[in-house]
Amino acid sequence: MLPGNRDRNKAARFRAGLSAAAENHAKSDVPPMQEGVRVAFIETIAELEAIYGESNLASNVKVADHVTALYRPFIEASPFVALATVGPEGIDCTPRGDQPGFVRIADDRTLIMPDRRGNNRCDSLRNIVRDPRTAFLFLVPGSGTCLRVNGRAKVSADPALLESFEVDGKAPRTAIVLGVEDVYFQCARAIVRSHLWDAARHVDPASLPTPGRILAEMSKQEVGGEAYDREWPERAKSTLW
């Protein structure tokens, strides 16, 4: 067995945790295609491996079961994390942002993320309390290298812990405590292809529908509208933490 294959297999088990019922649902819930269009789908690992083959040595040996000295700087420099969770209703991926290093390295096998104010849906937290499988994807502005961390999480409302995350006298209501199982970097191809950090490629926000417009249309004018967009900057400033 190549070095790192054990870690790769463990990561595969992490990603393969759907129940048989959920798998059947996923197969039946195929997005509709245009009339007359026929699309073949891959249904087995063997079919997938026939197309992609085996991952190489570099893809496998980079996986660690803890935060190493060389992976630590990415976490400390990152102001943005994509948080992925799974629950009975399905999967969820949500953005989390704060000051660089907002995810605390408690020790080399434990990360702590404060749950700052948001839309109060609590999708991620609802998932975690029922299914601990959780992943963090760290982005560092200007760097093409992302850091992926998989593990099992718990939600804490411990007063002393939350107080340690206070900003402007405001503590988060909860924190996500992640037990680290896999840590590894993602190659830069996605960032390079997307020109994510190239300001010349940034989209003018005025060319996109505003949240107020979307809310007004979805709610048949009950909420949202121009007033929502106009008041948003001040509302965000007063509720940021």
Foldseek 3Di string as FASTA:
>chain_A
DAPQVVVVVVVVCLVPPDDPVVVVVVVVPDDDDPPPDDDDDDDDPVVVCVVVPDDDNVVRNQKDFWQDPVNVVLQQQFQKKWKWFAAPVGIDTDIGGDHRNQFDCPDRFKTKHFDADDPPPCPRQVRQVHFFWMKIWTDHQPDLKIKIWTFGKHKDQPPVVQCVSDDPNDGGRIMIMGGTGIMGIDGRPVCVVVVVNPPVPDDDPVVDDDPLVVVCVVVVHPGGDPVCVVCVVVVCVVRVD
